[in-house]
Amino acid sequence: MTQGKLLEFLEDIGISISAGYLSNLLIKNQTEFESEKSEIYASGLESSPWQHFDQTGARVGGVNYTTNVVCNPLYTIYLIHIYPNWVLNTGLEL
């Protein structure tokens, strides 16, 4: 989702925020978001005996990445990795 669409979405649900503030939220001080993402991912994996996994290509800044979706009925997480075979690199058993 682009920043413009995210800003439009937030305005549609009644949240007034400037484009610059939104940009700063998304690109600065990401350590809290990273740790929260890791916690959600770990909890999601533990929440069900099965997971659904989907992978598709994505281009970010002219570099090929993969967009990975891991989910079950209780959560969904989107991950972007430069390695197309990232599952092999994580030790994740699917």
N, C-alpha and C. Protein backbone atom coordinates (compact mmCIF):
# COMPACT_ATOMS: atom_id res chain seq x y z
N MET A 1 0.85 -1.16 0.00
CA MET A 1 0.00 0.00 0.00
C MET A 1 0.90 1.23 0.00
N THR A 2 0.62 2.15 -0.88
CA THR A 2 1.44 3.36 -0.95
C THR A 2 1.11 4.28 0.22
N GLN A 3 2.01 5.21 0.50
CA GLN A 3 1.76 6.16 1.58
C GLN A 3 0.53 7.01 1.29
N GLY A 4 0.35 7.37 0.03
CA GLY A 4 -0.83 8.16 -0.36
C GLY A 4 -2.13 7.42 -0.07
N LYS A 5 -2.18 6.14 -0.42
CA LYS A 5 -3.38 5.34 -0.17
C LYS A 5 -3.59 5.12 1.33
N LEU A 6 -2.49 4.95 2.07
CA LEU A 6 -2.60 4.79 3.51
C LEU A 6 -3.14 6.07 4.14
N LEU A 7 -2.65 7.21 3.70
CA LEU A 7 -3.14 8.50 4.19
C LEU A 7 -4.62 8.66 3.88
N GLU A 8 -5.02 8.29 2.66
CA GLU A 8 -6.43 8.36 2.26
C GLU A 8 -7.29 7.45 3.14
N PHE A 9 -6.80 6.24 3.40
CA PHE A 9 -7.53 5.30 4.26
C PHE A 9 -7.71 5.88 5.67
N LEU A 10 -6.63 6.41 6.23
CA LEU A 10 -6.71 6.98 7.58
C LEU A 10 -7.70 8.14 7.63
N GLU A 11 -7.69 8.98 6.62
CA GLU A 11 -8.63 10.10 6.56
C GLU A 11 -10.07 9.58 6.45
N ASP A 12 -10.27 8.51 5.67
CA ASP A 12 -11.61 7.93 5.51
C ASP A 12 -12.18 7.39 6.82
N ILE A 13 -11.31 6.94 7.73
CA ILE A 13 -11.81 6.42 9.00
C ILE A 13 -11.71 7.46 10.12
N GLY A 14 -11.46 8.71 9.73
CA GLY A 14 -11.52 9.81 10.68
C GLY A 14 -10.23 10.16 11.39
N ILE A 15 -9.11 9.68 10.89
CA ILE A 15 -7.82 10.00 11.51
C ILE A 15 -7.15 11.09 10.68
N SER A 16 -6.95 12.25 11.29
CA SER A 16 -6.32 13.37 10.61
C SER A 16 -4.83 13.37 10.92
N ILE A 17 -4.02 13.20 9.88
CA ILE A 17 -2.57 13.10 10.04
C ILE A 17 -1.93 13.71 8.79
N SER A 18 -0.84 14.41 8.97
CA SER A 18 -0.18 15.01 7.80
C SER A 18 0.64 13.96 7.06
N ALA A 19 0.87 14.23 5.79
CA ALA A 19 1.66 13.30 4.97
C ALA A 19 3.09 13.17 5.51
N GLY A 20 3.66 14.27 5.98
CA GLY A 20 5.02 14.23 6.53
C GLY A 20 5.11 13.42 7.81
N TYR A 21 4.10 13.58 8.69
CA TYR A 21 4.10 12.81 9.94
C TYR A 21 3.95 11.32 9.65
N LEU A 22 3.06 10.98 8.71
CA LEU A 22 2.89 9.59 8.33
C LEU A 22 4.19 9.02 7.78
N SER A 23 4.86 9.78 6.93
CA SER A 23 6.13 9.34 6.36
C SER A 23 7.15 9.07 7.47
N ASN A 24 7.24 9.98 8.44
CA ASN A 24 8.17 9.78 9.55
C ASN A 24 7.82 8.54 10.37
N LEU A 25 6.52 8.29 10.58
CA LEU A 25 6.11 7.09 11.30
C LEU A 25 6.57 5.82 10.60
N LEU A 26 6.53 5.85 9.27
CA LEU A 26 6.85 4.66 8.50
C LEU A 26 8.34 4.42 8.31
N ILE A 27 9.15 5.48 8.32
CA ILE A 27 10.55 5.27 7.98
C ILE A 27 11.53 5.53 9.12
N LYS A 28 11.10 6.14 10.21
CA LYS A 28 12.01 6.43 11.31
C LYS A 28 11.66 5.60 12.54
N ASN A 29 12.67 5.32 13.36
CA ASN A 29 12.48 4.61 14.64
C ASN A 29 11.66 3.33 14.48
N GLN A 30 12.12 2.45 13.61
CA GLN A 30 11.37 1.23 13.32
C GLN A 30 11.64 0.09 14.29
N THR A 31 12.50 0.27 15.27
CA THR A 31 12.84 -0.84 16.16
C THR A 31 11.62 -1.36 16.92
N GLU A 32 10.74 -0.47 17.35
CA GLU A 32 9.52 -0.93 18.05
C GLU A 32 8.65 -1.75 17.12
N PHE A 33 8.50 -1.30 15.87
CA PHE A 33 7.70 -2.04 14.90
C PHE A 33 8.31 -3.40 14.60
N GLU A 34 9.64 -3.44 14.49
CA GLU A 34 10.32 -4.70 14.19
C GLU A 34 10.12 -5.71 15.32
N SER A 35 10.24 -5.27 16.56
CA SER A 35 10.05 -6.21 17.67
C SER A 35 8.60 -6.64 17.77
N GLU A 36 7.66 -5.72 17.51
CA GLU A 36 6.24 -6.09 17.53
C GLU A 36 5.94 -7.10 16.42
N LYS A 37 6.51 -6.89 15.23
CA LYS A 37 6.32 -7.82 14.12
C LYS A 37 6.83 -9.21 14.49
N SER A 38 7.99 -9.27 15.11
CA SER A 38 8.56 -10.56 15.51
C SER A 38 7.68 -11.26 16.53
N GLU A 39 7.13 -10.51 17.48
CA GLU A 39 6.24 -11.08 18.49
C GLU A 39 4.95 -11.60 17.85
N ILE A 40 4.38 -10.82 16.94
CA ILE A 40 3.15 -11.25 16.25
C ILE A 40 3.41 -12.50 15.44
N TYR A 41 4.53 -12.54 14.75
CA TYR A 41 4.87 -13.70 13.92
C TYR A 41 5.03 -14.95 14.79
N ALA A 42 5.78 -14.84 15.87
CA ALA A 42 6.00 -15.99 16.76
C ALA A 42 4.68 -16.46 17.38
N SER A 43 3.88 -15.52 17.84
CA SER A 43 2.58 -15.89 18.43
C SER A 43 1.66 -16.51 17.40
N GLY A 44 1.69 -15.97 16.19
CA GLY A 44 0.86 -16.51 15.12
C GLY A 44 1.24 -17.94 14.78
N LEU A 45 2.54 -18.20 14.71
CA LEU A 45 2.99 -19.56 14.41
C LEU A 45 2.57 -20.54 15.51
N GLU A 46 2.53 -20.07 16.75
CA GLU A 46 2.15 -20.93 17.86
C GLU A 46 0.63 -21.08 18.01
N SER A 47 -0.14 -20.24 17.32
CA SER A 47 -1.59 -20.19 17.54
C SER A 47 -2.37 -21.29 16.84
N SER A 48 -1.73 -22.02 15.96
CA SER A 48 -2.46 -23.04 15.20
C SER A 48 -1.50 -24.14 14.76
N PRO A 49 -1.99 -25.37 14.64
CA PRO A 49 -1.10 -26.45 14.17
C PRO A 49 -0.82 -26.36 12.67
N TRP A 50 -1.49 -25.46 11.97
CA TRP A 50 -1.24 -25.31 10.54
C TRP A 50 -1.11 -23.84 10.19
N GLN A 51 -0.38 -23.58 9.10
CA GLN A 51 -0.19 -22.23 8.57
C GLN A 51 -0.41 -22.27 7.07
N HIS A 52 -0.92 -21.18 6.53
CA HIS A 52 -1.02 -21.04 5.08
C HIS A 52 0.14 -20.14 4.65
N PHE A 53 0.78 -20.48 3.55
CA PHE A 53 1.92 -19.73 3.06
C PHE A 53 1.72 -19.43 1.59
N ASP A 54 1.99 -18.20 1.20
CA ASP A 54 1.94 -17.83 -0.21
C ASP A 54 3.13 -16.92 -0.48
N GLN A 55 3.65 -17.00 -1.69
CA GLN A 55 4.83 -16.22 -2.05
C GLN A 55 4.65 -15.70 -3.47
N THR A 56 5.02 -14.44 -3.66
CA THR A 56 4.98 -13.85 -4.99
C THR A 56 6.14 -12.87 -5.13
N GLY A 57 6.51 -12.60 -6.35
CA GLY A 57 7.60 -11.67 -6.60
C GLY A 57 7.20 -10.23 -6.36
N ALA A 58 8.17 -9.42 -5.98
CA ALA A 58 7.95 -7.99 -5.79
C ALA A 58 9.21 -7.26 -6.21
N ARG A 59 9.05 -6.06 -6.70
CA ARG A 59 10.20 -5.25 -7.09
C ARG A 59 10.25 -4.04 -6.17
N VAL A 60 11.36 -3.88 -5.44
CA VAL A 60 11.51 -2.77 -4.50
C VAL A 60 12.77 -2.02 -4.87
N GLY A 61 12.62 -0.77 -5.27
CA GLY A 61 13.79 0.04 -5.63
C GLY A 61 14.62 -0.57 -6.74
N GLY A 62 13.97 -1.25 -7.69
CA GLY A 62 14.67 -1.86 -8.81
C GLY A 62 15.32 -3.19 -8.49
N VAL A 63 15.10 -3.73 -7.29
CA VAL A 63 15.68 -5.01 -6.88
C VAL A 63 14.56 -6.02 -6.71
N ASN A 64 14.78 -7.25 -7.20
CA ASN A 64 13.78 -8.29 -7.05
C ASN A 64 13.76 -8.84 -5.63
N TYR A 65 12.57 -8.87 -5.05
CA TYR A 65 12.34 -9.41 -3.71
C TYR A 65 11.19 -10.41 -3.82
N THR A 66 10.91 -11.07 -2.72
CA THR A 66 9.71 -11.90 -2.65
C THR A 66 8.82 -11.36 -1.54
N THR A 67 7.53 -11.32 -1.82
CA THR A 67 6.55 -10.98 -0.80
C THR A 67 5.97 -12.30 -0.31
N ASN A 68 6.06 -12.53 0.99
CA ASN A 68 5.62 -13.78 1.59
C ASN A 68 4.47 -13.49 2.54
N VAL A 69 3.43 -14.28 2.44
CA VAL A 69 2.28 -14.16 3.33
C VAL A 69 2.19 -15.45 4.13
N VAL A 70 2.18 -15.33 5.46
CA VAL A 70 2.01 -16.47 6.35
C VAL A 70 0.79 -16.16 7.21
N CYS A 71 -0.16 -17.11 7.27
CA CYS A 71 -1.38 -16.80 8.01
C CYS A 71 -2.11 -18.07 8.43
N ASN A 72 -3.07 -17.88 9.30
CA ASN A 72 -4.10 -18.86 9.63
C ASN A 72 -5.33 -18.02 9.98
N PRO A 73 -6.43 -18.57 10.43
CA PRO A 73 -7.60 -17.73 10.70
C PRO A 73 -7.40 -16.67 11.79
N LEU A 74 -6.32 -16.76 12.56
CA LEU A 74 -6.13 -15.84 13.67
C LEU A 74 -5.17 -14.67 13.39
N TYR A 75 -4.36 -14.78 12.36
CA TYR A 75 -3.42 -13.70 12.06
C TYR A 75 -2.97 -13.79 10.60
N THR A 76 -2.40 -12.71 10.12
CA THR A 76 -1.76 -12.67 8.80
C THR A 76 -0.54 -11.78 8.93
N ILE A 77 0.58 -12.22 8.39
CA ILE A 77 1.78 -11.40 8.39
C ILE A 77 2.36 -11.38 6.98
N TYR A 78 2.80 -10.21 6.54
CA TYR A 78 3.41 -10.02 5.23
C TYR A 78 4.89 -9.73 5.45
N LEU A 79 5.74 -10.46 4.75
CA LEU A 79 7.18 -10.31 4.88
C LEU A 79 7.78 -10.09 3.49
N ILE A 80 8.73 -9.18 3.40
CA ILE A 80 9.42 -8.95 2.14
C ILE A 80 10.88 -9.29 2.34
N HIS A 81 11.40 -10.15 1.47
CA HIS A 81 12.79 -10.61 1.59
C HIS A 81 13.48 -10.55 0.23
N ILE A 82 14.76 -10.30 0.26
CA ILE A 82 15.54 -10.28 -0.98
C ILE A 82 15.81 -11.71 -1.45
N TYR A 83 15.78 -12.68 -0.55
CA TYR A 83 16.08 -14.06 -0.92
C TYR A 83 14.81 -14.77 -1.36
N PRO A 84 14.76 -15.27 -2.59
CA PRO A 84 13.56 -15.99 -3.01
C PRO A 84 13.35 -17.28 -2.24
N ASN A 85 14.39 -17.85 -1.68
CA ASN A 85 14.26 -19.09 -0.91
C ASN A 85 14.43 -18.82 0.59
N TRP A 86 13.82 -17.74 1.07
CA TRP A 86 14.00 -17.32 2.46
C TRP A 86 13.57 -18.37 3.46
N VAL A 87 12.60 -19.22 3.12
CA VAL A 87 12.14 -20.25 4.05
C VAL A 87 13.30 -21.19 4.40
N LEU A 88 14.12 -21.49 3.43
CA LEU A 88 15.27 -22.36 3.66
C LEU A 88 16.26 -21.69 4.62
N ASN A 89 16.34 -20.37 4.56
CA ASN A 89 17.29 -19.63 5.39
C ASN A 89 16.79 -19.42 6.82
N THR A 90 15.50 -19.61 7.08
CA THR A 90 14.96 -19.38 8.41
C THR A 90 14.86 -20.64 9.23
N GLY A 91 14.92 -21.81 8.59
CA GLY A 91 14.72 -23.06 9.31
C GLY A 91 13.25 -23.33 9.59
N LEU A 92 12.37 -22.53 9.02
CA LEU A 92 10.94 -22.69 9.21
C LEU A 92 10.46 -23.96 8.53
N GLU A 93 9.71 -24.75 9.23
CA GLU A 93 9.17 -25.98 8.66
C GLU A 93 7.73 -25.72 8.21
N LEU A 94 7.51 -25.80 6.93
CA LEU A 94 6.16 -25.60 6.39
C LEU A 94 5.59 -26.89 5.87
